Amino acid sequence: MSKKKVPAILMQHTEKNIRIIRDKLSRIGIGEKKLDDTTILASYSINKFGQLCALPKVIPPVQ
């Protein structure tokens, strides 16, 4: 039964983060409406102080 609760909690947390990130992006004038949720979560996060942070981009090495 607890297995069903974990995804729901994670889903709510993810949706809340997306909503907060979109709000902060719109406040600073970045057009976030064209970005999908996956792109937003891959590009931005909220730190423990509630500030918007850009995530570093990982570039795979050239072989």
PDB file of N, CA and C in Angstrom:
ATOM      1  N   MET A   1       0.820  -1.186   0.000  1.00  0.00           N
ATOM      2  CA  MET A   1       0.000   0.000   0.000  1.00  0.00           C
ATOM      3  C   MET A   1       0.869   1.256   0.000  1.00  0.00           C
ATOM      4  N   SER A   2       1.987   1.238   0.688  1.00  0.00           N
ATOM      5  CA  SER A   2       2.842   2.416   0.738  1.00  0.00           C
ATOM      6  C   SER A   2       3.478   2.716  -0.615  1.00  0.00           C
ATOM      7  N   LYS A   3       3.577   1.699  -1.481  1.00  0.00           N
ATOM      8  CA  LYS A   3       4.145   1.918  -2.808  1.00  0.00           C
ATOM      9  C   LYS A   3       3.285   2.876  -3.625  1.00  0.00           C
ATOM     10  N   LYS A   4       1.986   2.859  -3.411  1.00  0.00           N
ATOM     11  CA  LYS A   4       1.100   3.752  -4.140  1.00  0.00           C
ATOM     12  C   LYS A   4       1.201   5.178  -3.628  1.00  0.00           C
ATOM     13  N   LYS A   5       1.529   5.355  -2.359  1.00  0.00           N
ATOM     14  CA  LYS A   5       1.616   6.696  -1.791  1.00  0.00           C
ATOM     15  C   LYS A   5       2.885   7.412  -2.203  1.00  0.00           C
ATOM     16  N   VAL A   6       3.980   6.704  -2.372  1.00  0.00           N
ATOM     17  CA  VAL A   6       5.254   7.337  -2.700  1.00  0.00           C
ATOM     18  C   VAL A   6       5.190   8.071  -4.040  1.00  0.00           C
ATOM     19  N   PRO A   7       4.727   7.441  -5.126  1.00  0.00           N
ATOM     20  CA  PRO A   7       4.653   8.195  -6.380  1.00  0.00           C
ATOM     21  C   PRO A   7       3.736   9.402  -6.297  1.00  0.00           C
ATOM     22  N   ALA A   8       2.646   9.296  -5.557  1.00  0.00           N
ATOM     23  CA  ALA A   8       1.736  10.438  -5.435  1.00  0.00           C
ATOM     24  C   ALA A   8       2.419  11.597  -4.727  1.00  0.00           C
ATOM     25  N   ILE A   9       3.190  11.301  -3.684  1.00  0.00           N
ATOM     26  CA  ILE A   9       3.910  12.350  -2.966  1.00  0.00           C
ATOM     27  C   ILE A   9       4.972  12.962  -3.860  1.00  0.00           C
ATOM     28  N   LEU A  10       5.707  12.122  -4.577  1.00  0.00           N
ATOM     29  CA  LEU A  10       6.730  12.635  -5.481  1.00  0.00           C
ATOM     30  C   LEU A  10       6.113  13.459  -6.595  1.00  0.00           C
ATOM     31  N   MET A  11       4.969  13.031  -7.088  1.00  0.00           N
ATOM     32  CA  MET A  11       4.296  13.757  -8.153  1.00  0.00           C
ATOM     33  C   MET A  11       3.866  15.132  -7.669  1.00  0.00           C
ATOM     34  N   GLN A  12       3.326  15.213  -6.467  1.00  0.00           N
ATOM     35  CA  GLN A  12       2.914  16.496  -5.915  1.00  0.00           C
ATOM     36  C   GLN A  12       4.119  17.400  -5.716  1.00  0.00           C
ATOM     37  N   HIS A  13       5.226  16.836  -5.232  1.00  0.00           N
ATOM     38  CA  HIS A  13       6.445  17.612  -5.017  1.00  0.00           C
ATOM     39  C   HIS A  13       6.974  18.142  -6.348  1.00  0.00           C
ATOM     40  N   THR A  14       6.973  17.293  -7.371  1.00  0.00           N
ATOM     41  CA  THR A  14       7.448  17.695  -8.695  1.00  0.00           C
ATOM     42  C   THR A  14       6.557  18.783  -9.282  1.00  0.00           C
ATOM     43  N   GLU A  15       5.264  18.600  -9.194  1.00  0.00           N
ATOM     44  CA  GLU A  15       4.333  19.608  -9.716  1.00  0.00           C
ATOM     45  C   GLU A  15       4.485  20.932  -8.982  1.00  0.00           C
ATOM     46  N   LYS A  16       4.703  20.870  -7.686  1.00  0.00           N
ATOM     47  CA  LYS A  16       4.893  22.091  -6.898  1.00  0.00           C
ATOM     48  C   LYS A  16       6.171  22.797  -7.332  1.00  0.00           C
ATOM     49  N   ASN A  17       7.259  22.035  -7.520  1.00  0.00           N
ATOM     50  CA  ASN A  17       8.519  22.635  -7.970  1.00  0.00           C
ATOM     51  C   ASN A  17       8.370  23.278  -9.338  1.00  0.00           C
ATOM     52  N   ILE A  18       7.682  22.607 -10.248  1.00  0.00           N
ATOM     53  CA  ILE A  18       7.473  23.170 -11.587  1.00  0.00           C
ATOM     54  C   ILE A  18       6.703  24.481 -11.480  1.00  0.00           C
ATOM     55  N   ARG A  19       5.665  24.509 -10.660  1.00  0.00           N
ATOM     56  CA  ARG A  19       4.857  25.719 -10.495  1.00  0.00           C
ATOM     57  C   ARG A  19       5.699  26.860  -9.907  1.00  0.00           C
ATOM     58  N   ILE A  20       6.524  26.547  -8.908  1.00  0.00           N
ATOM     59  CA  ILE A  20       7.380  27.568  -8.291  1.00  0.00           C
ATOM     60  C   ILE A  20       8.420  28.078  -9.292  1.00  0.00           C
ATOM     61  N   ILE A  21       9.032  27.160 -10.036  1.00  0.00           N
ATOM     62  CA  ILE A  21      10.051  27.559 -11.015  1.00  0.00           C
ATOM     63  C   ILE A  21       9.425  28.431 -12.093  1.00  0.00           C
ATOM     64  N   ARG A  22       8.263  28.031 -12.611  1.00  0.00           N
ATOM     65  CA  ARG A  22       7.592  28.844 -13.641  1.00  0.00           C
ATOM     66  C   ARG A  22       7.262  30.239 -13.110  1.00  0.00           C
ATOM     67  N   ASP A  23       6.809  30.316 -11.876  1.00  0.00           N
ATOM     68  CA  ASP A  23       6.479  31.604 -11.274  1.00  0.00           C
ATOM     69  C   ASP A  23       7.721  32.487 -11.172  1.00  0.00           C
ATOM     70  N   LYS A  24       8.812  31.918 -10.704  1.00  0.00           N
ATOM     71  CA  LYS A  24      10.040  32.703 -10.549  1.00  0.00           C
ATOM     72  C   LYS A  24      10.606  33.122 -11.900  1.00  0.00           C
ATOM     73  N   LEU A  25      10.523  32.246 -12.900  1.00  0.00           N
ATOM     74  CA  LEU A  25      10.993  32.602 -14.239  1.00  0.00           C
ATOM     75  C   LEU A  25      10.183  33.748 -14.830  1.00  0.00           C
ATOM     76  N   SER A  26       8.874  33.701 -14.647  1.00  0.00           N
ATOM     77  CA  SER A  26       8.034  34.772 -15.195  1.00  0.00           C
ATOM     78  C   SER A  26       8.274  36.090 -14.460  1.00  0.00           C
ATOM     79  N   ARG A  27       8.594  36.031 -13.167  1.00  0.00           N
ATOM     80  CA  ARG A  27       8.870  37.257 -12.412  1.00  0.00           C
ATOM     81  C   ARG A  27      10.137  37.957 -12.888  1.00  0.00           C
ATOM     82  N   ILE A  28      11.123  37.174 -13.366  1.00  0.00           N
ATOM     83  CA  ILE A  28      12.364  37.802 -13.830  1.00  0.00           C
ATOM     84  C   ILE A  28      12.367  38.017 -15.344  1.00  0.00           C
ATOM     85  N   GLY A  29      11.243  37.706 -15.995  1.00  0.00           N
ATOM     86  CA  GLY A  29      11.089  38.039 -17.402  1.00  0.00           C
ATOM     87  C   GLY A  29      11.564  36.988 -18.376  1.00  0.00           C
ATOM     88  N   ILE A  30      11.771  35.774 -17.933  1.00  0.00           N
ATOM     89  CA  ILE A  30      12.163  34.696 -18.848  1.00  0.00           C
ATOM     90  C   ILE A  30      10.886  34.029 -19.324  1.00  0.00           C
ATOM     91  N   GLY A  31      10.719  33.953 -20.645  1.00  0.00           N
ATOM     92  CA  GLY A  31       9.515  33.356 -21.212  1.00  0.00           C
ATOM     93  C   GLY A  31       9.519  31.851 -21.040  1.00  0.00           C
ATOM     94  N   GLU A  32       8.858  31.368 -20.031  1.00  0.00           N
ATOM     95  CA  GLU A  32       8.871  29.950 -19.712  1.00  0.00           C
ATOM     96  C   GLU A  32       7.707  29.202 -20.347  1.00  0.00           C
ATOM     97  N   LYS A  33       6.802  29.903 -20.983  1.00  0.00           N
ATOM     98  CA  LYS A  33       5.606  29.254 -21.520  1.00  0.00           C
ATOM     99  C   LYS A  33       5.932  28.281 -22.648  1.00  0.00           C
ATOM    100  N   LYS A  34       7.019  28.498 -23.355  1.00  0.00           N
ATOM    101  CA  LYS A  34       7.394  27.606 -24.448  1.00  0.00           C
ATOM    102  C   LYS A  34       8.109  26.355 -23.950  1.00  0.00           C
ATOM    103  N   LEU A  35       8.554  26.363 -22.696  1.00  0.00           N
ATOM    104  CA  LEU A  35       9.296  25.234 -22.153  1.00  0.00           C
ATOM    105  C   LEU A  35       8.340  24.198 -21.578  1.00  0.00           C
ATOM    106  N   ASP A  36       8.610  22.924 -21.854  1.00  0.00           N
ATOM    107  CA  ASP A  36       7.796  21.881 -21.238  1.00  0.00           C
ATOM    108  C   ASP A  36       8.342  21.566 -19.849  1.00  0.00           C
ATOM    109  N   ASP A  37       7.587  20.794 -19.084  1.00  0.00           N
ATOM    110  CA  ASP A  37       7.947  20.508 -17.694  1.00  0.00           C
ATOM    111  C   ASP A  37       9.293  19.801 -17.573  1.00  0.00           C
ATOM    112  N   THR A  38       9.577  18.873 -18.473  1.00  0.00           N
ATOM    113  CA  THR A  38      10.839  18.135 -18.431  1.00  0.00           C
ATOM    114  C   THR A  38      12.016  19.062 -18.629  1.00  0.00           C
ATOM    115  N   THR A  39      11.906  19.987 -19.565  1.00  0.00           N
ATOM    116  CA  THR A  39      12.976  20.947 -19.829  1.00  0.00           C
ATOM    117  C   THR A  39      13.197  21.862 -18.637  1.00  0.00           C
ATOM    118  N   ILE A  40      12.124  22.286 -18.018  1.00  0.00           N
ATOM    119  CA  ILE A  40      12.237  23.160 -16.847  1.00  0.00           C
ATOM    120  C   ILE A  40      12.953  22.438 -15.713  1.00  0.00           C
ATOM    121  N   LEU A  41      12.565  21.191 -15.440  1.00  0.00           N
ATOM    122  CA  LEU A  41      13.208  20.439 -14.358  1.00  0.00           C
ATOM    123  C   LEU A  41      14.661  20.112 -14.676  1.00  0.00           C
ATOM    124  N   ALA A  42      14.992  19.975 -15.963  1.00  0.00           N
ATOM    125  CA  ALA A  42      16.374  19.692 -16.349  1.00  0.00           C
ATOM    126  C   ALA A  42      17.239  20.944 -16.323  1.00  0.00           C
ATOM    127  N   SER A  43      16.627  22.115 -16.369  1.00  0.00           N
ATOM    128  CA  SER A  43      17.388  23.367 -16.459  1.00  0.00           C
ATOM    129  C   SER A  43      17.450  24.161 -15.162  1.00  0.00           C
ATOM    130  N   TYR A  44      16.429  24.041 -14.324  1.00  0.00           N
ATOM    131  CA  TYR A  44      16.334  24.872 -13.126  1.00  0.00           C
ATOM    132  C   TYR A  44      15.959  24.044 -11.901  1.00  0.00           C
ATOM    133  N   SER A  45      16.298  24.569 -10.739  1.00  0.00           N
ATOM    134  CA  SER A  45      15.869  23.972  -9.476  1.00  0.00           C
ATOM    135  C   SER A  45      15.661  25.087  -8.457  1.00  0.00           C
ATOM    136  N   ILE A  46      15.108  24.708  -7.324  1.00  0.00           N
ATOM    137  CA  ILE A  46      14.912  25.636  -6.218  1.00  0.00           C
ATOM    138  C   ILE A  46      15.811  25.158  -5.085  1.00  0.00           C
ATOM    139  N   ASN A  47      16.671  26.045  -4.583  1.00  0.00           N
ATOM    140  CA  ASN A  47      17.565  25.625  -3.500  1.00  0.00           C
ATOM    141  C   ASN A  47      16.839  25.643  -2.162  1.00  0.00           C
ATOM    142  N   LYS A  48      17.548  25.272  -1.104  1.00  0.00           N
ATOM    143  CA  LYS A  48      16.899  25.159   0.209  1.00  0.00           C
ATOM    144  C   LYS A  48      16.438  26.495   0.764  1.00  0.00           C
ATOM    145  N   PHE A  49      16.893  27.603   0.179  1.00  0.00           N
ATOM    146  CA  PHE A  49      16.473  28.939   0.607  1.00  0.00           C
ATOM    147  C   PHE A  49      15.333  29.483  -0.255  1.00  0.00           C
ATOM    148  N   GLY A  50      14.864  28.685  -1.222  1.00  0.00           N
ATOM    149  CA  GLY A  50      13.757  29.085  -2.073  1.00  0.00           C
ATOM    150  C   GLY A  50      14.165  29.930  -3.262  1.00  0.00           C
ATOM    151  N   GLN A  51      15.460  29.940  -3.578  1.00  0.00           N
ATOM    152  CA  GLN A  51      15.945  30.725  -4.711  1.00  0.00           C
ATOM    153  C   GLN A  51      16.041  29.866  -5.963  1.00  0.00           C
ATOM    154  N   LEU A  52      15.816  30.481  -7.105  1.00  0.00           N
ATOM    155  CA  LEU A  52      15.910  29.815  -8.385  1.00  0.00           C
ATOM    156  C   LEU A  52      17.374  29.617  -8.747  1.00  0.00           C
ATOM    157  N   CYS A  53      17.735  28.401  -9.138  1.00  0.00           N
ATOM    158  CA  CYS A  53      19.107  28.098  -9.517  1.00  0.00           C
ATOM    159  C   CYS A  53      19.127  27.385 -10.863  1.00  0.00           C
ATOM    160  N   ALA A  54      20.048  27.774 -11.703  1.00  0.00           N
ATOM    161  CA  ALA A  54      20.235  27.071 -12.969  1.00  0.00           C
ATOM    162  C   ALA A  54      21.080  25.828 -12.704  1.00  0.00           C
ATOM    163  N   LEU A  55      20.676  24.726 -13.312  1.00  0.00           N
ATOM    164  CA  LEU A  55      21.442  23.498 -13.152  1.00  0.00           C
ATOM    165  C   LEU A  55      22.544  23.470 -14.193  1.00  0.00           C
ATOM    166  N   PRO A  56      23.738  22.970 -13.825  1.00  0.00           N
ATOM    167  CA  PRO A  56      24.811  22.892 -14.812  1.00  0.00           C
ATOM    168  C   PRO A  56      24.466  21.887 -15.906  1.00  0.00           C
ATOM    169  N   LYS A  57      24.824  22.229 -17.129  1.00  0.00           N
ATOM    170  CA  LYS A  57      24.573  21.339 -18.254  1.00  0.00           C
ATOM    171  C   LYS A  57      25.709  20.342 -18.354  1.00  0.00           C
ATOM    172  N   VAL A  58      25.330  19.101 -18.517  1.00  0.00           N
ATOM    173  CA  VAL A  58      26.328  18.049 -18.646  1.00  0.00           C
ATOM    174  C   VAL A  58      26.528  17.778 -20.127  1.00  0.00           C
ATOM    175  N   ILE A  59      27.755  17.991 -20.580  1.00  0.00           N
ATOM    176  CA  ILE A  59      28.087  17.769 -21.987  1.00  0.00           C
ATOM    177  C   ILE A  59      28.873  16.464 -22.073  1.00  0.00           C
ATOM    178  N   PRO A  60      28.370  15.502 -22.807  1.00  0.00           N
ATOM    179  CA  PRO A  60      29.088  14.231 -22.893  1.00  0.00           C
ATOM    180  C   PRO A  60      30.423  14.411 -23.610  1.00  0.00           C
ATOM    181  N   PRO A  61      31.437  13.651 -23.194  1.00  0.00           N
ATOM    182  CA  PRO A  61      32.749  13.784 -23.834  1.00  0.00           C
ATOM    183  C   PRO A  61      32.716  13.306 -25.286  1.00  0.00           C
ATOM    184  N   VAL A  62      33.527  13.934 -26.107  1.00  0.00           N
ATOM    185  CA  VAL A  62      33.629  13.568 -27.516  1.00  0.00           C
ATOM    186  C   VAL A  62      34.548  12.359 -27.624  1.00  0.00           C
ATOM    187  N   GLN A  63      34.120  11.379 -28.398  1.00  0.00           N
ATOM    188  CA  GLN A  63      34.945  10.174 -28.545  1.00  0.00           C
ATOM    189  C   GLN A  63      35.593  10.101 -29.876  1.00  0.00           C
TER     190      GLN A  63
END
